PDB file of N, CA and C in Angstrom:
ATOM      1  N   MET A   1       0.833  -1.185   0.000  1.00  0.00           N
ATOM      2  CA  MET A   1       0.000   0.000   0.000  1.00  0.00           C
ATOM      3  C   MET A   1       0.873   1.241   0.000  1.00  0.00           C
ATOM      4  N   ASN A   2       0.511   2.202  -0.788  1.00  0.00           N
ATOM      5  CA  ASN A   2       1.235   3.462  -0.865  1.00  0.00           C
ATOM      6  C   ASN A   2       0.802   4.343   0.296  1.00  0.00           C
ATOM      7  N   THR A   3       1.738   4.651   1.195  1.00  0.00           N
ATOM      8  CA  THR A   3       1.386   5.451   2.374  1.00  0.00           C
ATOM      9  C   THR A   3       1.155   6.912   2.039  1.00  0.00           C
ATOM     10  N   ALA A   4       1.579   7.359   0.869  1.00  0.00           N
ATOM     11  CA  ALA A   4       1.375   8.768   0.509  1.00  0.00           C
ATOM     12  C   ALA A   4      -0.102   9.084   0.345  1.00  0.00           C
ATOM     13  N   ASN A   5      -0.890   8.154  -0.179  1.00  0.00           N
ATOM     14  CA  ASN A   5      -2.305   8.438  -0.395  1.00  0.00           C
ATOM     15  C   ASN A   5      -3.055   8.707   0.903  1.00  0.00           C
ATOM     16  N   PRO A   6      -2.938   7.860   1.935  1.00  0.00           N
ATOM     17  CA  PRO A   6      -3.618   8.190   3.193  1.00  0.00           C
ATOM     18  C   PRO A   6      -3.119   9.496   3.811  1.00  0.00           C
ATOM     19  N   GLN A   7      -1.835   9.779   3.636  1.00  0.00           N
ATOM     20  CA  GLN A   7      -1.302  11.029   4.164  1.00  0.00           C
ATOM     21  C   GLN A   7      -1.913  12.224   3.437  1.00  0.00           C
ATOM     22  N   LEU A   8      -2.039  12.122   2.128  1.00  0.00           N
ATOM     23  CA  LEU A   8      -2.662  13.202   1.373  1.00  0.00           C
ATOM     24  C   LEU A   8      -4.146  13.330   1.706  1.00  0.00           C
ATOM     25  N   GLU A   9      -4.816  12.202   1.871  1.00  0.00           N
ATOM     26  CA  GLU A   9      -6.226  12.241   2.253  1.00  0.00           C
ATOM     27  C   GLU A   9      -6.384  12.992   3.575  1.00  0.00           C
ATOM     28  N   GLY A  10      -5.537  12.680   4.521  1.00  0.00           N
ATOM     29  CA  GLY A  10      -5.568  13.373   5.811  1.00  0.00           C
ATOM     30  C   GLY A  10      -5.263  14.849   5.675  1.00  0.00           C
ATOM     31  N   LEU A  11      -4.322  15.178   4.812  1.00  0.00           N
ATOM     32  CA  LEU A  11      -3.975  16.582   4.588  1.00  0.00           C
ATOM     33  C   LEU A  11      -5.160  17.350   4.015  1.00  0.00           C
ATOM     34  N   TYR A  12      -5.859  16.759   3.034  1.00  0.00           N
ATOM     35  CA  TYR A  12      -7.036  17.416   2.464  1.00  0.00           C
ATOM     36  C   TYR A  12      -8.101  17.648   3.528  1.00  0.00           C
ATOM     37  N   LEU A  13      -8.337  16.652   4.378  1.00  0.00           N
ATOM     38  CA  LEU A  13      -9.337  16.798   5.434  1.00  0.00           C
ATOM     39  C   LEU A  13      -8.922  17.864   6.443  1.00  0.00           C
ATOM     40  N   ALA A  14      -7.649  17.880   6.804  1.00  0.00           N
ATOM     41  CA  ALA A  14      -7.166  18.890   7.745  1.00  0.00           C
ATOM     42  C   ALA A  14      -7.292  20.293   7.143  1.00  0.00           C
ATOM     43  N   LEU A  15      -6.914  20.425   5.896  1.00  0.00           N
ATOM     44  CA  LEU A  15      -6.995  21.726   5.242  1.00  0.00           C
ATOM     45  C   LEU A  15      -8.442  22.177   5.095  1.00  0.00           C
ATOM     46  N   SER A  16      -9.343  21.249   4.802  1.00  0.00           N
ATOM     47  CA  SER A  16     -10.754  21.638   4.698  1.00  0.00           C
ATOM     48  C   SER A  16     -11.270  22.133   6.045  1.00  0.00           C
ATOM     49  N   GLY A  17     -10.815  21.529   7.130  1.00  0.00           N
ATOM     50  CA  GLY A  17     -11.199  21.994   8.462  1.00  0.00           C
ATOM     51  C   GLY A  17     -10.670  23.386   8.761  1.00  0.00           C
ATOM     52  N   VAL A  18      -9.440  23.646   8.356  1.00  0.00           N
ATOM     53  CA  VAL A  18      -8.848  24.973   8.561  1.00  0.00           C
ATOM     54  C   VAL A  18      -9.599  26.017   7.731  1.00  0.00           C
ATOM     55  N   LEU A  19      -9.914  25.679   6.499  1.00  0.00           N
ATOM     56  CA  LEU A  19     -10.663  26.622   5.660  1.00  0.00           C
ATOM     57  C   LEU A  19     -12.030  26.922   6.254  1.00  0.00           C
ATOM     58  N   ASP A  20     -12.706  25.890   6.753  1.00  0.00           N
ATOM     59  CA  ASP A  20     -14.008  26.103   7.378  1.00  0.00           C
ATOM     60  C   ASP A  20     -13.878  26.977   8.624  1.00  0.00           C
ATOM     61  N   LEU A  21     -12.838  26.773   9.392  1.00  0.00           N
ATOM     62  CA  LEU A  21     -12.614  27.596  10.580  1.00  0.00           C
ATOM     63  C   LEU A  21     -12.390  29.062  10.195  1.00  0.00           C
ATOM     64  N   LEU A  22     -11.651  29.294   9.125  1.00  0.00           N
ATOM     65  CA  LEU A  22     -11.436  30.665   8.661  1.00  0.00           C
ATOM     66  C   LEU A  22     -12.754  31.341   8.290  1.00  0.00           C
ATOM     67  N   VAL A  23     -13.662  30.580   7.708  1.00  0.00           N
ATOM     68  CA  VAL A  23     -14.984  31.108   7.379  1.00  0.00           C
ATOM     69  C   VAL A  23     -15.765  31.375   8.664  1.00  0.00           C
ATOM     70  N   GLN A  24     -15.761  30.427   9.584  1.00  0.00           N
ATOM     71  CA  GLN A  24     -16.489  30.588  10.843  1.00  0.00           C
ATOM     72  C   GLN A  24     -16.008  31.798  11.632  1.00  0.00           C
ATOM     73  N   LYS A  25     -14.709  32.054  11.606  1.00  0.00           N
ATOM     74  CA  LYS A  25     -14.131  33.176  12.343  1.00  0.00           C
ATOM     75  C   LYS A  25     -14.300  34.509  11.608  1.00  0.00           C
ATOM     76  N   GLY A  26     -14.813  34.459  10.377  1.00  0.00           N
ATOM     77  CA  GLY A  26     -15.027  35.687   9.621  1.00  0.00           C
ATOM     78  C   GLY A  26     -13.785  36.230   8.941  1.00  0.00           C
ATOM     79  N   VAL A  27     -12.733  35.425   8.878  1.00  0.00           N
ATOM     80  CA  VAL A  27     -11.493  35.858   8.222  1.00  0.00           C
ATOM     81  C   VAL A  27     -11.678  35.870   6.709  1.00  0.00           C
ATOM     82  N   LEU A  28     -12.379  34.874   6.191  1.00  0.00           N
ATOM     83  CA  LEU A  28     -12.661  34.763   4.759  1.00  0.00           C
ATOM     84  C   LEU A  28     -14.139  34.448   4.562  1.00  0.00           C
ATOM     85  N   GLU A  29     -14.658  34.858   3.437  1.00  0.00           N
ATOM     86  CA  GLU A  29     -16.019  34.501   3.051  1.00  0.00           C
ATOM     87  C   GLU A  29     -15.963  33.228   2.207  1.00  0.00           C
ATOM     88  N   ARG A  30     -17.016  32.432   2.263  1.00  0.00           N
ATOM     89  CA  ARG A  30     -17.062  31.217   1.435  1.00  0.00           C
ATOM     90  C   ARG A  30     -16.879  31.535  -0.037  1.00  0.00           C
ATOM     91  N   ASP A  31     -17.478  32.614  -0.495  1.00  0.00           N
ATOM     92  CA  ASP A  31     -17.340  32.983  -1.909  1.00  0.00           C
ATOM     93  C   ASP A  31     -15.893  33.295  -2.273  1.00  0.00           C
ATOM     94  N   GLU A  32     -15.153  33.893  -1.354  1.00  0.00           N
ATOM     95  CA  GLU A  32     -13.733  34.161  -1.602  1.00  0.00           C
ATOM     96  C   GLU A  32     -12.954  32.853  -1.733  1.00  0.00           C
ATOM     97  N   LEU A  33     -13.259  31.906  -0.852  1.00  0.00           N
ATOM     98  CA  LEU A  33     -12.591  30.607  -0.930  1.00  0.00           C
ATOM     99  C   LEU A  33     -12.966  29.873  -2.208  1.00  0.00           C
ATOM    100  N   ARG A  34     -14.251  29.906  -2.561  1.00  0.00           N
ATOM    101  CA  ARG A  34     -14.687  29.267  -3.813  1.00  0.00           C
ATOM    102  C   ARG A  34     -13.922  29.845  -4.996  1.00  0.00           C
ATOM    103  N   ALA A  35     -13.805  31.172  -5.037  1.00  0.00           N
ATOM    104  CA  ALA A  35     -13.103  31.830  -6.139  1.00  0.00           C
ATOM    105  C   ALA A  35     -11.629  31.438  -6.173  1.00  0.00           C
ATOM    106  N   ALA A  36     -10.993  31.399  -5.011  1.00  0.00           N
ATOM    107  CA  ALA A  36      -9.569  31.025  -4.954  1.00  0.00           C
ATOM    108  C   ALA A  36      -9.363  29.585  -5.402  1.00  0.00           C
ATOM    109  N   LEU A  37     -10.253  28.689  -4.961  1.00  0.00           N
ATOM    110  CA  LEU A  37     -10.136  27.283  -5.361  1.00  0.00           C
ATOM    111  C   LEU A  37     -10.461  27.097  -6.839  1.00  0.00           C
ATOM    112  N   ALA A  38     -11.424  27.858  -7.344  1.00  0.00           N
ATOM    113  CA  ALA A  38     -11.742  27.788  -8.771  1.00  0.00           C
ATOM    114  C   ALA A  38     -10.568  28.285  -9.607  1.00  0.00           C
ATOM    115  N   ASP A  39      -9.893  29.322  -9.132  1.00  0.00           N
ATOM    116  CA  ASP A  39      -8.697  29.821  -9.829  1.00  0.00           C
ATOM    117  C   ASP A  39      -7.598  28.766  -9.842  1.00  0.00           C
ATOM    118  N   ALA A  40      -7.417  28.087  -8.706  1.00  0.00           N
ATOM    119  CA  ALA A  40      -6.396  27.034  -8.630  1.00  0.00           C
ATOM    120  C   ALA A  40      -6.738  25.884  -9.574  1.00  0.00           C
ATOM    121  N   GLU A  41      -8.017  25.531  -9.618  1.00  0.00           N
ATOM    122  CA  GLU A  41      -8.455  24.464 -10.529  1.00  0.00           C
ATOM    123  C   GLU A  41      -8.204  24.862 -11.979  1.00  0.00           C
ATOM    124  N   ALA A  42      -8.565  26.087 -12.330  1.00  0.00           N
ATOM    125  CA  ALA A  42      -8.369  26.557 -13.710  1.00  0.00           C
ATOM    126  C   ALA A  42      -6.888  26.593 -14.069  1.00  0.00           C
ATOM    127  N   LEU A  43      -6.057  26.999 -13.139  1.00  0.00           N
ATOM    128  CA  LEU A  43      -4.615  27.020 -13.394  1.00  0.00           C
ATOM    129  C   LEU A  43      -4.096  25.606 -13.649  1.00  0.00           C
ATOM    130  N   ALA A  44      -4.581  24.657 -12.869  1.00  0.00           N
ATOM    131  CA  ALA A  44      -4.151  23.261 -13.056  1.00  0.00           C
ATOM    132  C   ALA A  44      -4.626  22.722 -14.396  1.00  0.00           C
ATOM    133  N   LEU A  45      -5.836  23.071 -14.789  1.00  0.00           N
ATOM    134  CA  LEU A  45      -6.402  22.525 -16.024  1.00  0.00           C
ATOM    135  C   LEU A  45      -5.910  23.236 -17.270  1.00  0.00           C
ATOM    136  N   ASP A  46      -5.639  24.518 -17.168  1.00  0.00           N
ATOM    137  CA  ASP A  46      -5.320  25.306 -18.367  1.00  0.00           C
ATOM    138  C   ASP A  46      -3.995  26.051 -18.257  1.00  0.00           C
ATOM    139  N   GLY A  47      -3.950  26.986 -17.334  1.00  0.00           N
ATOM    140  CA  GLY A  47      -2.840  27.920 -17.285  1.00  0.00           C
ATOM    141  C   GLY A  47      -1.521  27.371 -16.809  1.00  0.00           C
ATOM    142  N   GLY A  48      -1.538  26.446 -15.858  1.00  0.00           N
ATOM    143  CA  GLY A  48      -0.289  25.974 -15.284  1.00  0.00           C
ATOM    144  C   GLY A  48       0.258  24.720 -15.937  1.00  0.00           C
ATOM    145  N   ALA A  49      -0.540  24.133 -16.790  1.00  0.00           N
ATOM    146  CA  ALA A  49      -0.134  22.869 -17.402  1.00  0.00           C
ATOM    147  C   ALA A  49       0.746  23.118 -18.621  1.00  0.00           C
ATOM    148  N   LEU A  50       1.653  22.216 -18.829  1.00  0.00           N
ATOM    149  CA  LEU A  50       2.480  22.265 -20.034  1.00  0.00           C
ATOM    150  C   LEU A  50       1.699  21.649 -21.189  1.00  0.00           C
ATOM    151  N   ALA A  51       2.023  22.055 -22.380  1.00  0.00           N
ATOM    152  CA  ALA A  51       1.348  21.495 -23.553  1.00  0.00           C
ATOM    153  C   ALA A  51       1.521  19.986 -23.621  1.00  0.00           C
ATOM    154  N   SER A  52       2.614  19.486 -23.070  1.00  0.00           N
ATOM    155  CA  SER A  52       2.880  18.048 -23.123  1.00  0.00           C
ATOM    156  C   SER A  52       2.147  17.268 -22.025  1.00  0.00           C
ATOM    157  N   ASP A  53       1.553  17.967 -21.068  1.00  0.00           N
ATOM    158  CA  ASP A  53       0.838  17.271 -19.994  1.00  0.00           C
ATOM    159  C   ASP A  53      -0.439  16.647 -20.540  1.00  0.00           C
ATOM    160  N   SER A  54      -0.698  15.421 -20.149  1.00  0.00           N
ATOM    161  CA  SER A  54      -1.911  14.743 -20.587  1.00  0.00           C
ATOM    162  C   SER A  54      -3.120  15.308 -19.846  1.00  0.00           C
ATOM    163  N   GLU A  55      -4.297  15.012 -20.375  1.00  0.00           N
ATOM    164  CA  GLU A  55      -5.526  15.457 -19.716  1.00  0.00           C
ATOM    165  C   GLU A  55      -5.647  14.840 -18.330  1.00  0.00           C
ATOM    166  N   SER A  56      -5.265  13.568 -18.204  1.00  0.00           N
ATOM    167  CA  SER A  56      -5.352  12.912 -16.900  1.00  0.00           C
ATOM    168  C   SER A  56      -4.391  13.560 -15.897  1.00  0.00           C
ATOM    169  N   HIS A  57      -3.235  14.007 -16.374  1.00  0.00           N
ATOM    170  CA  HIS A  57      -2.280  14.703 -15.504  1.00  0.00           C
ATOM    171  C   HIS A  57      -2.885  16.018 -15.027  1.00  0.00           C
ATOM    172  N   ARG A  58      -3.511  16.742 -15.927  1.00  0.00           N
ATOM    173  CA  ARG A  58      -4.136  18.027 -15.569  1.00  0.00           C
ATOM    174  C   ARG A  58      -5.269  17.818 -14.577  1.00  0.00           C
ATOM    175  N   LYS A  59      -6.079  16.781 -14.806  1.00  0.00           N
ATOM    176  CA  LYS A  59      -7.178  16.498 -13.876  1.00  0.00           C
ATOM    177  C   LYS A  59      -6.634  16.120 -12.498  1.00  0.00           C
ATOM    178  N   ALA A  60      -5.540  15.374 -12.480  1.00  0.00           N
ATOM    179  CA  ALA A  60      -4.918  15.012 -11.203  1.00  0.00           C
ATOM    180  C   ALA A  60      -4.425  16.258 -10.474  1.00  0.00           C
ATOM    181  N   MET A  61      -3.890  17.215 -11.209  1.00  0.00           N
ATOM    182  CA  MET A  61      -3.433  18.461 -10.604  1.00  0.00           C
ATOM    183  C   MET A  61      -4.611  19.272 -10.051  1.00  0.00           C
ATOM    184  N   ALA A  62      -5.756  19.190 -10.699  1.00  0.00           N
ATOM    185  CA  ALA A  62      -6.936  19.943 -10.270  1.00  0.00           C
ATOM    186  C   ALA A  62      -7.668  19.264  -9.105  1.00  0.00           C
ATOM    187  N   PHE A  63      -7.381  17.995  -8.870  1.00  0.00           N
ATOM    188  CA  PHE A  63      -8.104  17.220  -7.858  1.00  0.00           C
ATOM    189  C   PHE A  63      -8.119  17.874  -6.477  1.00  0.00           C
ATOM    190  N   PRO A  64      -6.985  18.342  -5.941  1.00  0.00           N
ATOM    191  CA  PRO A  64      -7.032  18.937  -4.599  1.00  0.00           C
ATOM    192  C   PRO A  64      -7.990  20.122  -4.501  1.00  0.00           C
ATOM    193  N   ALA A  65      -7.972  21.005  -5.498  1.00  0.00           N
ATOM    194  CA  ALA A  65      -8.881  22.147  -5.469  1.00  0.00           C
ATOM    195  C   ALA A  65     -10.324  21.682  -5.518  1.00  0.00           C
ATOM    196  N   ARG A  66     -10.592  20.670  -6.325  1.00  0.00           N
ATOM    197  CA  ARG A  66     -11.959  20.150  -6.430  1.00  0.00           C
ATOM    198  C   ARG A  66     -12.416  19.505  -5.126  1.00  0.00           C
ATOM    199  N   VAL A  67     -11.551  18.727  -4.495  1.00  0.00           N
ATOM    200  CA  VAL A  67     -11.899  18.104  -3.222  1.00  0.00           C
ATOM    201  C   VAL A  67     -12.192  19.174  -2.177  1.00  0.00           C
ATOM    202  N   LEU A  68     -11.359  20.203  -2.123  1.00  0.00           N
ATOM    203  CA  LEU A  68     -11.570  21.254  -1.136  1.00  0.00           C
ATOM    204  C   LEU A  68     -12.843  22.047  -1.424  1.00  0.00           C
ATOM    205  N   MET A  69     -13.188  22.231  -2.700  1.00  0.00           N
ATOM    206  CA  MET A  69     -14.455  22.892  -3.026  1.00  0.00           C
ATOM    207  C   MET A  69     -15.634  22.047  -2.552  1.00  0.00           C
ATOM    208  N   MET A  70     -15.559  20.734  -2.755  1.00  0.00           N
ATOM    209  CA  MET A  70     -16.628  19.845  -2.303  1.00  0.00           C
ATOM    210  C   MET A  70     -16.727  19.869  -0.776  1.00  0.00           C
ATOM    211  N   ALA A  71     -15.599  19.907  -0.100  1.00  0.00           N
ATOM    212  CA  ALA A  71     -15.600  19.978   1.365  1.00  0.00           C
ATOM    213  C   ALA A  71     -16.208  21.299   1.823  1.00  0.00           C
ATOM    214  N   LEU A  72     -15.886  22.379   1.148  1.00  0.00           N
ATOM    215  CA  LEU A  72     -16.436  23.693   1.469  1.00  0.00           C
ATOM    216  C   LEU A  72     -17.956  23.683   1.345  1.00  0.00           C
ATOM    217  N   GLU A  73     -18.453  23.047   0.299  1.00  0.00           N
ATOM    218  CA  GLU A  73     -19.904  22.941   0.109  1.00  0.00           C
ATOM    219  C   GLU A  73     -20.532  22.082   1.202  1.00  0.00           C
ATOM    220  N   SER A  74     -19.868  21.000   1.572  1.00  0.00           N
ATOM    221  CA  SER A  74     -20.381  20.141   2.650  1.00  0.00           C
ATOM    222  C   SER A  74     -20.473  20.912   3.963  1.00  0.00           C
ATOM    223  N   HIS A  75     -19.413  21.656   4.279  1.00  0.00           N
ATOM    224  CA  HIS A  75     -19.408  22.443   5.508  1.00  0.00           C
ATOM    225  C   HIS A  75     -20.533  23.481   5.490  1.00  0.00           C
ATOM    226  N   ALA A  76     -20.785  24.087   4.327  1.00  0.00           N
ATOM    227  CA  ALA A  76     -21.841  25.099   4.214  1.00  0.00           C
ATOM    228  C   ALA A  76     -23.210  24.503   4.533  1.00  0.00           C
ATOM    229  N   ARG A  77     -23.387  23.216   4.209  1.00  0.00           N
ATOM    230  CA  ARG A  77     -24.650  22.537   4.495  1.00  0.00           C
ATOM    231  C   ARG A  77     -24.672  21.924   5.895  1.00  0.00           C
ATOM    232  N   GLY A  78     -23.602  22.121   6.650  1.00  0.00           N
ATOM    233  CA  GLY A  78     -23.532  21.560   7.997  1.00  0.00           C
ATOM    234  C   GLY A  78     -23.188  20.083   8.018  1.00  0.00           C
ATOM    235  N   GLU A  79     -22.667  19.576   6.912  1.00  0.00           N
ATOM    236  CA  GLU A  79     -22.302  18.167   6.806  1.00  0.00           C
ATOM    237  C   GLU A  79     -20.800  17.987   7.023  1.00  0.00           C
ATOM    238  N   GLN A  80     -20.449  16.817   7.461  1.00  0.00           N
ATOM    239  CA  GLN A  80     -19.046  16.443   7.608  1.00  0.00           C
ATOM    240  C   GLN A  80     -18.786  15.267   6.674  1.00  0.00           C
ATOM    241  N   ALA A  81     -18.218  15.524   5.514  1.00  0.00           N
ATOM    242  CA  ALA A  81     -17.969  14.462   4.527  1.00  0.00           C
ATOM    243  C   ALA A  81     -16.589  13.855   4.750  1.00  0.00           C
ATOM    244  N   ASP A  82     -16.488  12.548   4.528  1.00  0.00           N
ATOM    245  CA  ASP A  82     -15.175  11.921   4.594  1.00  0.00           C
ATOM    246  C   ASP A  82     -14.517  11.994   3.215  1.00  0.00           C
ATOM    247  N   PHE A  83     -13.252  11.637   3.183  1.00  0.00           N
ATOM    248  CA  PHE A  83     -12.495  11.794   1.949  1.00  0.00           C
ATOM    249  C   PHE A  83     -13.083  10.975   0.800  1.00  0.00           C
ATOM    250  N   ARG A  84     -13.470   9.755   1.062  1.00  0.00           N
ATOM    251  CA  ARG A  84     -14.001   8.900  -0.016  1.00  0.00           C
ATOM    252  C   ARG A  84     -15.260   9.504  -0.630  1.00  0.00           C
ATOM    253  N   ASP A  85     -16.120  10.065   0.219  1.00  0.00           N
ATOM    254  CA  ASP A  85     -17.333  10.704  -0.286  1.00  0.00           C
ATOM    255  C   ASP A  85     -16.974  11.926  -1.134  1.00  0.00           C
ATOM    256  N   LEU A  86     -16.030  12.723  -0.658  1.00  0.00           N
ATOM    257  CA  LEU A  86     -15.614  13.905  -1.419  1.00  0.00           C
ATOM    258  C   LEU A  86     -15.009  13.502  -2.768  1.00  0.00           C
ATOM    259  N   ALA A  87     -14.146  12.500  -2.749  1.00  0.00           N
ATOM    260  CA  ALA A  87     -13.509  12.041  -3.989  1.00  0.00           C
ATOM    261  C   ALA A  87     -14.556  11.489  -4.969  1.00  0.00           C
ATOM    262  N   ARG A  88     -15.546  10.781  -4.438  1.00  0.00           N
ATOM    263  CA  ARG A  88     -16.615  10.262  -5.283  1.00  0.00           C
ATOM    264  C   ARG A  88     -17.378  11.398  -5.946  1.00  0.00           C
ATOM    265  N   ARG A  89     -17.670  12.436  -5.155  1.00  0.00           N
ATOM    266  CA  ARG A  89     -18.387  13.591  -5.716  1.00  0.00           C
ATOM    267  C   ARG A  89     -17.554  14.305  -6.777  1.00  0.00           C
ATOM    268  N   VAL A  90     -16.257  14.383  -6.555  1.00  0.00           N
ATOM    269  CA  VAL A  90     -15.385  14.983  -7.573  1.00  0.00           C
ATOM    270  C   VAL A  90     -15.477  14.169  -8.863  1.00  0.00           C
ATOM    271  N   GLY A  91     -15.411  12.865  -8.728  1.00  0.00           N
ATOM    272  CA  GLY A  91     -15.496  11.990  -9.897  1.00  0.00           C
ATOM    273  C   GLY A  91     -16.799  12.140 -10.643  1.00  0.00           C
ATOM    274  N   LEU A  92     -17.883  12.330  -9.925  1.00  0.00           N
ATOM    275  CA  LEU A  92     -19.193  12.493 -10.568  1.00  0.00           C
ATOM    276  C   LEU A  92     -19.344  13.853 -11.240  1.00  0.00           C
ATOM    277  N   SER A  93     -18.573  14.844 -10.757  1.00  0.00           N
ATOM    278  CA  SER A  93     -18.716  16.201 -11.288  1.00  0.00           C
ATOM    279  C   SER A  93     -17.846  16.469 -12.509  1.00  0.00           C
ATOM    280  N   THR A  94     -16.937  15.558 -12.826  1.00  0.00           N
ATOM    281  CA  THR A  94     -16.037  15.824 -13.956  1.00  0.00           C
ATOM    282  C   THR A  94     -16.466  15.086 -15.204  1.00  0.00           C
TER     283      THR A  94
END
């Protein structure tokens, strides 16, 4: 088993919690976070990718931003989603 994947899954969950806390404390608005994550996703898909990068490589680069956007939406609804659920939703949205 590749230990990097569970570590990254944990990192995404931890970061989603920090982002939600920033919203709760009034440091950032959800719309600001959505915009920042959408910009990161667009950069991964279009602007930051090399012409030689495959589509699957670009989608992999966009995955973290997409997972965090899904987590942000879950938090807005008062839900606590686990990583597998978030990843599944990302897969359904692409």
